Amino acid sequence: AEMTPAVTRATCILTSAAETTLATIVERHDGLSARAIDRIIKVARTAIDLAGRDLIDTDDITLAASYRVLDYDPSVDPRKFTAVPPLSRIPPITLPSPRD
């Protein structure tokens, strides 16, 4: 949350397809500020961290942008966004065995 824009861009690596998707989203939403774009990238970074991946792809950007839309337009139905990564891409959680 406290990353500067330069640190965000250095540590949040987007695929070329994700860059294109982000550019498309920015074109469609004229009101997106640089801060809003950085927030989308940071949310996408959180998604890939949870999935155990290193690169932000198109699905991650779309998912993060869908959350951003909900920030400024609560009338949007979040169920219409289908950018959630398939479960096969999310690593299973391994719980420690209970101790006696």
PDB file of N, CA and C in Angstrom:
ATOM      1  N   ALA A   1       0.811  -1.194   0.000  1.00  0.00           N
ATOM      2  CA  ALA A   1       0.000   0.000   0.000  1.00  0.00           C
ATOM      3  C   ALA A   1       0.856   1.260   0.000  1.00  0.00           C
ATOM      4  N   GLU A   2       2.071   1.147   0.453  1.00  0.00           N
ATOM      5  CA  GLU A   2       2.933   2.322   0.515  1.00  0.00           C
ATOM      6  C   GLU A   2       3.984   2.352  -0.585  1.00  0.00           C
ATOM      7  N   MET A   3       3.789   1.582  -1.639  1.00  0.00           N
ATOM      8  CA  MET A   3       4.741   1.576  -2.739  1.00  0.00           C
ATOM      9  C   MET A   3       4.573   2.843  -3.567  1.00  0.00           C
ATOM     10  N   THR A   4       5.697   3.440  -3.919  1.00  0.00           N
ATOM     11  CA  THR A   4       5.655   4.585  -4.827  1.00  0.00           C
ATOM     12  C   THR A   4       5.349   4.068  -6.235  1.00  0.00           C
ATOM     13  N   PRO A   5       4.923   4.939  -7.138  1.00  0.00           N
ATOM     14  CA  PRO A   5       4.671   4.479  -8.507  1.00  0.00           C
ATOM     15  C   PRO A   5       5.896   3.821  -9.154  1.00  0.00           C
ATOM     16  N   ALA A   6       7.075   4.337  -8.871  1.00  0.00           N
ATOM     17  CA  ALA A   6       8.291   3.746  -9.457  1.00  0.00           C
ATOM     18  C   ALA A   6       8.524   2.341  -8.920  1.00  0.00           C
ATOM     19  N   VAL A   7       8.319   2.149  -7.639  1.00  0.00           N
ATOM     20  CA  VAL A   7       8.495   0.820  -7.030  1.00  0.00           C
ATOM     21  C   VAL A   7       7.411  -0.122  -7.537  1.00  0.00           C
ATOM     22  N   THR A   8       6.209   0.388  -7.685  1.00  0.00           N
ATOM     23  CA  THR A   8       5.108  -0.433  -8.215  1.00  0.00           C
ATOM     24  C   THR A   8       5.463  -0.971  -9.590  1.00  0.00           C
ATOM     25  N   ARG A   9       5.922  -0.097 -10.468  1.00  0.00           N
ATOM     26  CA  ARG A   9       6.264  -0.537 -11.827  1.00  0.00           C
ATOM     27  C   ARG A   9       7.472  -1.469 -11.848  1.00  0.00           C
ATOM     28  N   ALA A  10       8.398  -1.299 -10.916  1.00  0.00           N
ATOM     29  CA  ALA A  10       9.588  -2.148 -10.877  1.00  0.00           C
ATOM     30  C   ALA A  10       9.285  -3.543 -10.324  1.00  0.00           C
ATOM     31  N   THR A  11       8.310  -3.641  -9.431  1.00  0.00           N
ATOM     32  CA  THR A  11       8.048  -4.921  -8.775  1.00  0.00           C
ATOM     33  C   THR A  11       6.797  -5.627  -9.279  1.00  0.00           C
ATOM     34  N   CYS A  12       5.956  -4.936 -10.001  1.00  0.00           N
ATOM     35  CA  CYS A  12       4.724  -5.518 -10.529  1.00  0.00           C
ATOM     36  C   CYS A  12       4.866  -5.653 -12.040  1.00  0.00           C
ATOM     37  N   ILE A  13       5.353  -6.789 -12.459  1.00  0.00           N
ATOM     38  CA  ILE A  13       5.668  -7.008 -13.873  1.00  0.00           C
ATOM     39  C   ILE A  13       4.431  -7.531 -14.608  1.00  0.00           C
ATOM     40  N   LEU A  14       4.032  -6.797 -15.653  1.00  0.00           N
ATOM     41  CA  LEU A  14       2.882  -7.176 -16.462  1.00  0.00           C
ATOM     42  C   LEU A  14       3.346  -7.833 -17.752  1.00  0.00           C
ATOM     43  N   THR A  15       2.588  -8.848 -18.192  1.00  0.00           N
ATOM     44  CA  THR A  15       2.857  -9.413 -19.510  1.00  0.00           C
ATOM     45  C   THR A  15       2.464  -8.365 -20.543  1.00  0.00           C
ATOM     46  N   SER A  16       2.909  -8.552 -21.782  1.00  0.00           N
ATOM     47  CA  SER A  16       2.544  -7.587 -22.824  1.00  0.00           C
ATOM     48  C   SER A  16       1.038  -7.572 -23.050  1.00  0.00           C
ATOM     49  N   ALA A  17       0.407  -8.733 -22.928  1.00  0.00           N
ATOM     50  CA  ALA A  17      -1.055  -8.791 -23.073  1.00  0.00           C
ATOM     51  C   ALA A  17      -1.734  -8.033 -21.938  1.00  0.00           C
ATOM     52  N   ALA A  18      -1.189  -8.127 -20.736  1.00  0.00           N
ATOM     53  CA  ALA A  18      -1.753  -7.398 -19.592  1.00  0.00           C
ATOM     54  C   ALA A  18      -1.588  -5.893 -19.784  1.00  0.00           C
ATOM     55  N   GLU A  19      -0.450  -5.474 -20.337  1.00  0.00           N
ATOM     56  CA  GLU A  19      -0.242  -4.048 -20.634  1.00  0.00           C
ATOM     57  C   GLU A  19      -1.294  -3.558 -21.632  1.00  0.00           C
ATOM     58  N   THR A  20      -1.563  -4.368 -22.646  1.00  0.00           N
ATOM     59  CA  THR A  20      -2.560  -4.009 -23.650  1.00  0.00           C
ATOM     60  C   THR A  20      -3.949  -3.927 -23.021  1.00  0.00           C
ATOM     61  N   THR A  21      -4.273  -4.881 -22.168  1.00  0.00           N
ATOM     62  CA  THR A  21      -5.565  -4.880 -21.480  1.00  0.00           C
ATOM     63  C   THR A  21      -5.697  -3.648 -20.605  1.00  0.00           C
ATOM     64  N   LEU A  22      -4.653  -3.313 -19.872  1.00  0.00           N
ATOM     65  CA  LEU A  22      -4.679  -2.131 -19.014  1.00  0.00           C
ATOM     66  C   LEU A  22      -4.882  -0.867 -19.849  1.00  0.00           C
ATOM     67  N   ALA A  23      -4.196  -0.771 -20.977  1.00  0.00           N
ATOM     68  CA  ALA A  23      -4.355   0.389 -21.863  1.00  0.00           C
ATOM     69  C   ALA A  23      -5.785   0.491 -22.381  1.00  0.00           C
ATOM     70  N   THR A  24      -6.390  -0.641 -22.704  1.00  0.00           N
ATOM     71  CA  THR A  24      -7.770  -0.661 -23.173  1.00  0.00           C
ATOM     72  C   THR A  24      -8.719  -0.183 -22.084  1.00  0.00           C
ATOM     73  N   ILE A  25      -8.495  -0.633 -20.870  1.00  0.00           N
ATOM     74  CA  ILE A  25      -9.329  -0.226 -19.736  1.00  0.00           C
ATOM     75  C   ILE A  25      -9.208   1.280 -19.511  1.00  0.00           C
ATOM     76  N   VAL A  26      -7.994   1.796 -19.603  1.00  0.00           N
ATOM     77  CA  VAL A  26      -7.777   3.230 -19.415  1.00  0.00           C
ATOM     78  C   VAL A  26      -8.501   4.023 -20.505  1.00  0.00           C
ATOM     79  N   GLU A  27      -8.460   3.542 -21.745  1.00  0.00           N
ATOM     80  CA  GLU A  27      -9.149   4.225 -22.843  1.00  0.00           C
ATOM     81  C   GLU A  27     -10.657   4.238 -22.633  1.00  0.00           C
ATOM     82  N   ARG A  28     -11.207   3.134 -22.132  1.00  0.00           N
ATOM     83  CA  ARG A  28     -12.659   3.041 -21.931  1.00  0.00           C
ATOM     84  C   ARG A  28     -13.145   3.912 -20.786  1.00  0.00           C
ATOM     85  N   HIS A  29     -12.303   4.104 -19.786  1.00  0.00           N
ATOM     86  CA  HIS A  29     -12.684   4.873 -18.596  1.00  0.00           C
ATOM     87  C   HIS A  29     -11.844   6.143 -18.556  1.00  0.00           C
ATOM     88  N   ASP A  30     -12.340   7.172 -19.185  1.00  0.00           N
ATOM     89  CA  ASP A  30     -11.603   8.429 -19.294  1.00  0.00           C
ATOM     90  C   ASP A  30     -11.212   9.007 -17.942  1.00  0.00           C
ATOM     91  N   GLY A  31     -11.931   8.651 -16.896  1.00  0.00           N
ATOM     92  CA  GLY A  31     -11.681   9.251 -15.597  1.00  0.00           C
ATOM     93  C   GLY A  31     -10.618   8.562 -14.758  1.00  0.00           C
ATOM     94  N   LEU A  32      -9.916   7.589 -15.306  1.00  0.00           N
ATOM     95  CA  LEU A  32      -8.903   6.893 -14.514  1.00  0.00           C
ATOM     96  C   LEU A  32      -7.653   7.751 -14.379  1.00  0.00           C
ATOM     97  N   SER A  33      -7.298   8.027 -13.152  1.00  0.00           N
ATOM     98  CA  SER A  33      -6.087   8.799 -12.889  1.00  0.00           C
ATOM     99  C   SER A  33      -4.886   7.856 -12.833  1.00  0.00           C
ATOM    100  N   ALA A  34      -3.701   8.420 -12.786  1.00  0.00           N
ATOM    101  CA  ALA A  34      -2.492   7.610 -12.645  1.00  0.00           C
ATOM    102  C   ALA A  34      -2.532   6.831 -11.328  1.00  0.00           C
ATOM    103  N   ARG A  35      -3.084   7.462 -10.299  1.00  0.00           N
ATOM    104  CA  ARG A  35      -3.215   6.789  -9.003  1.00  0.00           C
ATOM    105  C   ARG A  35      -4.150   5.585  -9.108  1.00  0.00           C
ATOM    106  N   ALA A  36      -5.244   5.734  -9.839  1.00  0.00           N
ATOM    107  CA  ALA A  36      -6.188   4.628 -10.021  1.00  0.00           C
ATOM    108  C   ALA A  36      -5.540   3.481 -10.786  1.00  0.00           C
ATOM    109  N   ILE A  37      -4.738   3.816 -11.778  1.00  0.00           N
ATOM    110  CA  ILE A  37      -4.033   2.780 -12.544  1.00  0.00           C
ATOM    111  C   ILE A  37      -3.055   2.039 -11.639  1.00  0.00           C
ATOM    112  N   ASP A  38      -2.327   2.777 -10.811  1.00  0.00           N
ATOM    113  CA  ASP A  38      -1.405   2.133  -9.871  1.00  0.00           C
ATOM    114  C   ASP A  38      -2.146   1.226  -8.899  1.00  0.00           C
ATOM    115  N   ARG A  39      -3.328   1.642  -8.472  1.00  0.00           N
ATOM    116  CA  ARG A  39      -4.112   0.817  -7.556  1.00  0.00           C
ATOM    117  C   ARG A  39      -4.563  -0.469  -8.234  1.00  0.00           C
ATOM    118  N   ILE A  40      -4.949  -0.384  -9.501  1.00  0.00           N
ATOM    119  CA  ILE A  40      -5.321  -1.586 -10.250  1.00  0.00           C
ATOM    120  C   ILE A  40      -4.141  -2.546 -10.312  1.00  0.00           C
ATOM    121  N   ILE A  41      -2.967  -2.014 -10.597  1.00  0.00           N
ATOM    122  CA  ILE A  41      -1.769  -2.855 -10.691  1.00  0.00           C
ATOM    123  C   ILE A  41      -1.448  -3.485  -9.336  1.00  0.00           C
ATOM    124  N   LYS A  42      -1.592  -2.728  -8.254  1.00  0.00           N
ATOM    125  CA  LYS A  42      -1.317  -3.264  -6.917  1.00  0.00           C
ATOM    126  C   LYS A  42      -2.297  -4.381  -6.538  1.00  0.00           C
ATOM    127  N   VAL A  43      -3.563  -4.213  -6.894  1.00  0.00           N
ATOM    128  CA  VAL A  43      -4.548  -5.262  -6.613  1.00  0.00           C
ATOM    129  C   VAL A  43      -4.236  -6.505  -7.447  1.00  0.00           C
ATOM    130  N   ALA A  44      -3.838  -6.302  -8.689  1.00  0.00           N
ATOM    131  CA  ALA A  44      -3.444  -7.429  -9.537  1.00  0.00           C
ATOM    132  C   ALA A  44      -2.230  -8.133  -8.936  1.00  0.00           C
ATOM    133  N   ARG A  45      -1.298  -7.368  -8.379  1.00  0.00           N
ATOM    134  CA  ARG A  45      -0.113  -7.953  -7.732  1.00  0.00           C
ATOM    135  C   ARG A  45      -0.526  -8.828  -6.547  1.00  0.00           C
ATOM    136  N   THR A  46      -1.503  -8.372  -5.791  1.00  0.00           N
ATOM    137  CA  THR A  46      -2.007  -9.167  -4.674  1.00  0.00           C
ATOM    138  C   THR A  46      -2.597 -10.484  -5.182  1.00  0.00           C
ATOM    139  N   ALA A  47      -3.332 -10.428  -6.278  1.00  0.00           N
ATOM    140  CA  ALA A  47      -3.931 -11.639  -6.856  1.00  0.00           C
ATOM    141  C   ALA A  47      -2.864 -12.651  -7.260  1.00  0.00           C
ATOM    142  N   ILE A  48      -1.785 -12.177  -7.894  1.00  0.00           N
ATOM    143  CA  ILE A  48      -0.755 -13.140  -8.311  1.00  0.00           C
ATOM    144  C   ILE A  48       0.048 -13.651  -7.124  1.00  0.00           C
ATOM    145  N   ASP A  49       0.203 -12.824  -6.096  1.00  0.00           N
ATOM    146  CA  ASP A  49       0.862 -13.297  -4.880  1.00  0.00           C
ATOM    147  C   ASP A  49       0.074 -14.450  -4.269  1.00  0.00           C
ATOM    148  N   LEU A  50      -1.242 -14.290  -4.203  1.00  0.00           N
ATOM    149  CA  LEU A  50      -2.092 -15.339  -3.639  1.00  0.00           C
ATOM    150  C   LEU A  50      -2.082 -16.600  -4.489  1.00  0.00           C
ATOM    151  N   ALA A  51      -1.901 -16.419  -5.797  1.00  0.00           N
ATOM    152  CA  ALA A  51      -1.860 -17.561  -6.712  1.00  0.00           C
ATOM    153  C   ALA A  51      -0.463 -18.162  -6.828  1.00  0.00           C
ATOM    154  N   GLY A  52       0.537 -17.515  -6.224  1.00  0.00           N
ATOM    155  CA  GLY A  52       1.896 -18.037  -6.270  1.00  0.00           C
ATOM    156  C   GLY A  52       2.585 -17.837  -7.604  1.00  0.00           C
ATOM    157  N   ARG A  53       2.232 -16.768  -8.315  1.00  0.00           N
ATOM    158  CA  ARG A  53       2.839 -16.477  -9.609  1.00  0.00           C
ATOM    159  C   ARG A  53       3.648 -15.197  -9.547  1.00  0.00           C
ATOM    160  N   ASP A  54       4.462 -14.962 -10.589  1.00  0.00           N
ATOM    161  CA  ASP A  54       5.338 -13.788 -10.616  1.00  0.00           C
ATOM    162  C   ASP A  54       4.908 -12.715 -11.606  1.00  0.00           C
ATOM    163  N   LEU A  55       4.180 -13.091 -12.643  1.00  0.00           N
ATOM    164  CA  LEU A  55       3.794 -12.129 -13.686  1.00  0.00           C
ATOM    165  C   LEU A  55       2.302 -11.842 -13.640  1.00  0.00           C
ATOM    166  N   ILE A  56       1.960 -10.582 -13.825  1.00  0.00           N
ATOM    167  CA  ILE A  56       0.559 -10.171 -13.893  1.00  0.00           C
ATOM    168  C   ILE A  56       0.081 -10.386 -15.322  1.00  0.00           C
ATOM    169  N   ASP A  57      -1.013 -11.142 -15.478  1.00  0.00           N
ATOM    170  CA  ASP A  57      -1.532 -11.373 -16.823  1.00  0.00           C
ATOM    171  C   ASP A  57      -2.877 -10.676 -17.006  1.00  0.00           C
ATOM    172  N   THR A  58      -3.476 -10.892 -18.152  1.00  0.00           N
ATOM    173  CA  THR A  58      -4.721 -10.214 -18.517  1.00  0.00           C
ATOM    174  C   THR A  58      -5.832 -10.453 -17.508  1.00  0.00           C
ATOM    175  N   ASP A  59      -6.005 -11.699 -17.080  1.00  0.00           N
ATOM    176  CA  ASP A  59      -7.069 -12.006 -16.124  1.00  0.00           C
ATOM    177  C   ASP A  59      -6.887 -11.245 -14.815  1.00  0.00           C
ATOM    178  N   ASP A  60      -5.644 -11.093 -14.374  1.00  0.00           N
ATOM    179  CA  ASP A  60      -5.376 -10.383 -13.117  1.00  0.00           C
ATOM    180  C   ASP A  60      -5.735  -8.904 -13.238  1.00  0.00           C
ATOM    181  N   ILE A  61      -5.388  -8.286 -14.364  1.00  0.00           N
ATOM    182  CA  ILE A  61      -5.718  -6.874 -14.598  1.00  0.00           C
ATOM    183  C   ILE A  61      -7.224  -6.695 -14.678  1.00  0.00           C
ATOM    184  N   THR A  62      -7.909  -7.581 -15.387  1.00  0.00           N
ATOM    185  CA  THR A  62      -9.362  -7.493 -15.518  1.00  0.00           C
ATOM    186  C   THR A  62     -10.041  -7.646 -14.165  1.00  0.00           C
ATOM    187  N   LEU A  63      -9.583  -8.591 -13.372  1.00  0.00           N
ATOM    188  CA  LEU A  63     -10.135  -8.793 -12.032  1.00  0.00           C
ATOM    189  C   LEU A  63      -9.934  -7.546 -11.176  1.00  0.00           C
ATOM    190  N   ALA A  64      -8.727  -7.020 -11.163  1.00  0.00           N
ATOM    191  CA  ALA A  64      -8.423  -5.842 -10.357  1.00  0.00           C
ATOM    192  C   ALA A  64      -9.241  -4.638 -10.822  1.00  0.00           C
ATOM    193  N   ALA A  65      -9.390  -4.478 -12.119  1.00  0.00           N
ATOM    194  CA  ALA A  65     -10.179  -3.359 -12.652  1.00  0.00           C
ATOM    195  C   ALA A  65     -11.653  -3.514 -12.292  1.00  0.00           C
ATOM    196  N   SER A  66     -12.132  -4.743 -12.251  1.00  0.00           N
ATOM    197  CA  SER A  66     -13.539  -4.940 -11.875  1.00  0.00           C
ATOM    198  C   SER A  66     -13.766  -4.508 -10.437  1.00  0.00           C
ATOM    199  N   TYR A  67     -12.804  -4.717  -9.561  1.00  0.00           N
ATOM    200  CA  TYR A  67     -12.922  -4.227  -8.183  1.00  0.00           C
ATOM    201  C   TYR A  67     -12.886  -2.705  -8.161  1.00  0.00           C
ATOM    202  N   ARG A  68     -12.080  -2.107  -9.012  1.00  0.00           N
ATOM    203  CA  ARG A  68     -11.985  -0.650  -9.079  1.00  0.00           C
ATOM    204  C   ARG A  68     -13.306  -0.041  -9.538  1.00  0.00           C
ATOM    205  N   VAL A  69     -13.967  -0.677 -10.481  1.00  0.00           N
ATOM    206  CA  VAL A  69     -15.264  -0.197 -10.942  1.00  0.00           C
ATOM    207  C   VAL A  69     -16.247  -0.182  -9.776  1.00  0.00           C
ATOM    208  N   LEU A  70     -16.177  -1.187  -8.924  1.00  0.00           N
ATOM    209  CA  LEU A  70     -17.074  -1.249  -7.772  1.00  0.00           C
ATOM    210  C   LEU A  70     -16.797  -0.116  -6.791  1.00  0.00           C
ATOM    211  N   ASP A  71     -15.557   0.388  -6.764  1.00  0.00           N
ATOM    212  CA  ASP A  71     -15.217   1.497  -5.873  1.00  0.00           C
ATOM    213  C   ASP A  71     -16.027   2.749  -6.199  1.00  0.00           C
ATOM    214  N   TYR A  72     -16.188   3.047  -7.495  1.00  0.00           N
ATOM    215  CA  TYR A  72     -16.832   4.303  -7.841  1.00  0.00           C
ATOM    216  C   TYR A  72     -18.239   4.145  -8.411  1.00  0.00           C
ATOM    217  N   ASP A  73     -18.705   2.916  -8.615  1.00  0.00           N
ATOM    218  CA  ASP A  73     -20.067   2.718  -9.091  1.00  0.00           C
ATOM    219  C   ASP A  73     -20.684   1.509  -8.400  1.00  0.00           C
ATOM    220  N   PRO A  74     -21.273   1.726  -7.215  1.00  0.00           N
ATOM    221  CA  PRO A  74     -21.822   0.604  -6.460  1.00  0.00           C
ATOM    222  C   PRO A  74     -23.026  -0.063  -7.129  1.00  0.00           C
ATOM    223  N   SER A  75     -23.568   0.547  -8.179  1.00  0.00           N
ATOM    224  CA  SER A  75     -24.709  -0.057  -8.862  1.00  0.00           C
ATOM    225  C   SER A  75     -24.284  -1.176  -9.818  1.00  0.00           C
ATOM    226  N   VAL A  76     -22.971  -1.324 -10.065  1.00  0.00           N
ATOM    227  CA  VAL A  76     -22.478  -2.358 -10.970  1.00  0.00           C
ATOM    228  C   VAL A  76     -22.661  -3.725 -10.316  1.00  0.00           C
ATOM    229  N   ASP A  77     -23.152  -4.661 -11.096  1.00  0.00           N
ATOM    230  CA  ASP A  77     -23.343  -6.027 -10.609  1.00  0.00           C
ATOM    231  C   ASP A  77     -22.020  -6.779 -10.736  1.00  0.00           C
ATOM    232  N   PRO A  78     -21.360  -7.114  -9.609  1.00  0.00           N
ATOM    233  CA  PRO A  78     -20.053  -7.769  -9.690  1.00  0.00           C
ATOM    234  C   PRO A  78     -20.109  -9.159 -10.295  1.00  0.00           C
ATOM    235  N   ARG A  79     -21.293  -9.766 -10.347  1.00  0.00           N
ATOM    236  CA  ARG A  79     -21.403 -11.119 -10.902  1.00  0.00           C
ATOM    237  C   ARG A  79     -21.177 -11.157 -12.404  1.00  0.00           C
ATOM    238  N   LYS A  80     -21.259  -9.994 -13.081  1.00  0.00           N
ATOM    239  CA  LYS A  80     -21.070 -10.001 -14.532  1.00  0.00           C
ATOM    240  C   LYS A  80     -19.601 -10.082 -14.920  1.00  0.00           C
ATOM    241  N   PHE A  81     -18.698  -9.875 -13.965  1.00  0.00           N
ATOM    242  CA  PHE A  81     -17.271  -9.982 -14.259  1.00  0.00           C
ATOM    243  C   PHE A  81     -16.849 -11.439 -14.122  1.00  0.00           C
ATOM    244  N   THR A  82     -16.191 -11.957 -15.136  1.00  0.00           N
ATOM    245  CA  THR A  82     -15.793 -13.363 -15.140  1.00  0.00           C
ATOM    246  C   THR A  82     -14.284 -13.513 -15.170  1.00  0.00           C
ATOM    247  N   ALA A  83     -13.588 -12.562 -14.589  1.00  0.00           N
ATOM    248  CA  ALA A  83     -12.135 -12.561 -14.676  1.00  0.00           C
ATOM    249  C   ALA A  83     -11.467 -13.344 -13.561  1.00  0.00           C
ATOM    250  N   VAL A  84     -12.246 -14.029 -12.743  1.00  0.00           N
ATOM    251  CA  VAL A  84     -11.653 -14.792 -11.660  1.00  0.00           C
ATOM    252  C   VAL A  84     -10.835 -15.930 -12.258  1.00  0.00           C
ATOM    253  N   PRO A  85      -9.573 -16.081 -11.819  1.00  0.00           N
ATOM    254  CA  PRO A  85      -8.759 -17.139 -12.399  1.00  0.00           C
ATOM    255  C   PRO A  85      -9.352 -18.512 -12.114  1.00  0.00           C
ATOM    256  N   PRO A  86      -9.199 -19.449 -13.029  1.00  0.00           N
ATOM    257  CA  PRO A  86      -9.717 -20.786 -12.793  1.00  0.00           C
ATOM    258  C   PRO A  86      -9.055 -21.400 -11.559  1.00  0.00           C
ATOM    259  N   LEU A  87      -9.802 -22.232 -10.877  1.00  0.00           N
ATOM    260  CA  LEU A  87      -9.275 -22.845  -9.662  1.00  0.00           C
ATOM    261  C   LEU A  87      -8.008 -23.652  -9.918  1.00  0.00           C
ATOM    262  N   SER A  88      -7.850 -24.155 -11.131  1.00  0.00           N
ATOM    263  CA  SER A  88      -6.657 -24.949 -11.443  1.00  0.00           C
ATOM    264  C   SER A  88      -5.384 -24.106 -11.359  1.00  0.00           C
ATOM    265  N   ARG A  89      -5.518 -22.767 -11.460  1.00  0.00           N
ATOM    266  CA  ARG A  89      -4.343 -21.901 -11.393  1.00  0.00           C
ATOM    267  C   ARG A  89      -4.016 -21.472  -9.971  1.00  0.00           C
ATOM    268  N   ILE A  90      -4.919 -21.741  -9.034  1.00  0.00           N
ATOM    269  CA  ILE A  90      -4.689 -21.349  -7.649  1.00  0.00           C
ATOM    270  C   ILE A  90      -4.150 -22.560  -6.896  1.00  0.00           C
ATOM    271  N   PRO A  91      -2.962 -22.416  -6.302  1.00  0.00           N
ATOM    272  CA  PRO A  91      -2.386 -23.577  -5.612  1.00  0.00           C
ATOM    273  C   PRO A  91      -3.217 -23.946  -4.392  1.00  0.00           C
ATOM    274  N   PRO A  92      -3.301 -25.250  -4.083  1.00  0.00           N
ATOM    275  CA  PRO A  92      -4.066 -25.667  -2.914  1.00  0.00           C
ATOM    276  C   PRO A  92      -3.366 -25.215  -1.625  1.00  0.00           C
ATOM    277  N   ILE A  93      -4.162 -25.012  -0.610  1.00  0.00           N
ATOM    278  CA  ILE A  93      -3.619 -24.634   0.691  1.00  0.00           C
ATOM    279  C   ILE A  93      -3.353 -25.908   1.477  1.00  0.00           C
ATOM    280  N   THR A  94      -2.142 -26.035   1.982  1.00  0.00           N
ATOM    281  CA  THR A  94      -1.785 -27.202   2.771  1.00  0.00           C
ATOM    282  C   THR A  94      -1.805 -26.819   4.241  1.00  0.00           C
ATOM    283  N   LEU A  95      -2.680 -27.491   4.979  1.00  0.00           N
ATOM    284  CA  LEU A  95      -2.778 -27.216   6.399  1.00  0.00           C
ATOM    285  C   LEU A  95      -1.898 -28.171   7.185  1.00  0.00           C
ATOM    286  N   PRO A  96      -1.287 -27.701   8.270  1.00  0.00           N
ATOM    287  CA  PRO A  96      -0.476 -28.619   9.079  1.00  0.00           C
ATOM    288  C   PRO A  96      -1.373 -29.666   9.726  1.00  0.00           C
ATOM    289  N   SER A  97      -0.819 -30.856   9.949  1.00  0.00           N
ATOM    290  CA  SER A  97      -1.593 -31.904  10.578  1.00  0.00           C
ATOM    291  C   SER A  97      -1.790 -31.573  12.054  1.00  0.00           C
ATOM    292  N   PRO A  98      -2.966 -31.934  12.588  1.00  0.00           N
ATOM    293  CA  PRO A  98      -3.213 -31.632  14.010  1.00  0.00           C
ATOM    294  C   PRO A  98      -2.282 -32.443  14.908  1.00  0.00           C
ATOM    295  N   ARG A  99      -1.905 -31.799  15.964  1.00  0.00           N
ATOM    296  CA  ARG A  99      -1.018 -32.474  16.924  1.00  0.00           C
ATOM    297  C   ARG A  99      -1.850 -32.995  18.074  1.00  0.00           C
ATOM    298  N   ASP A 100      -1.444 -34.133  18.569  1.00  0.00           N
ATOM    299  CA  ASP A 100      -2.186 -34.731  19.703  1.00  0.00           C
ATOM    300  C   ASP A 100      -1.848 -34.039  21.005  1.00  0.00           C
TER     301      ASP A 100
END
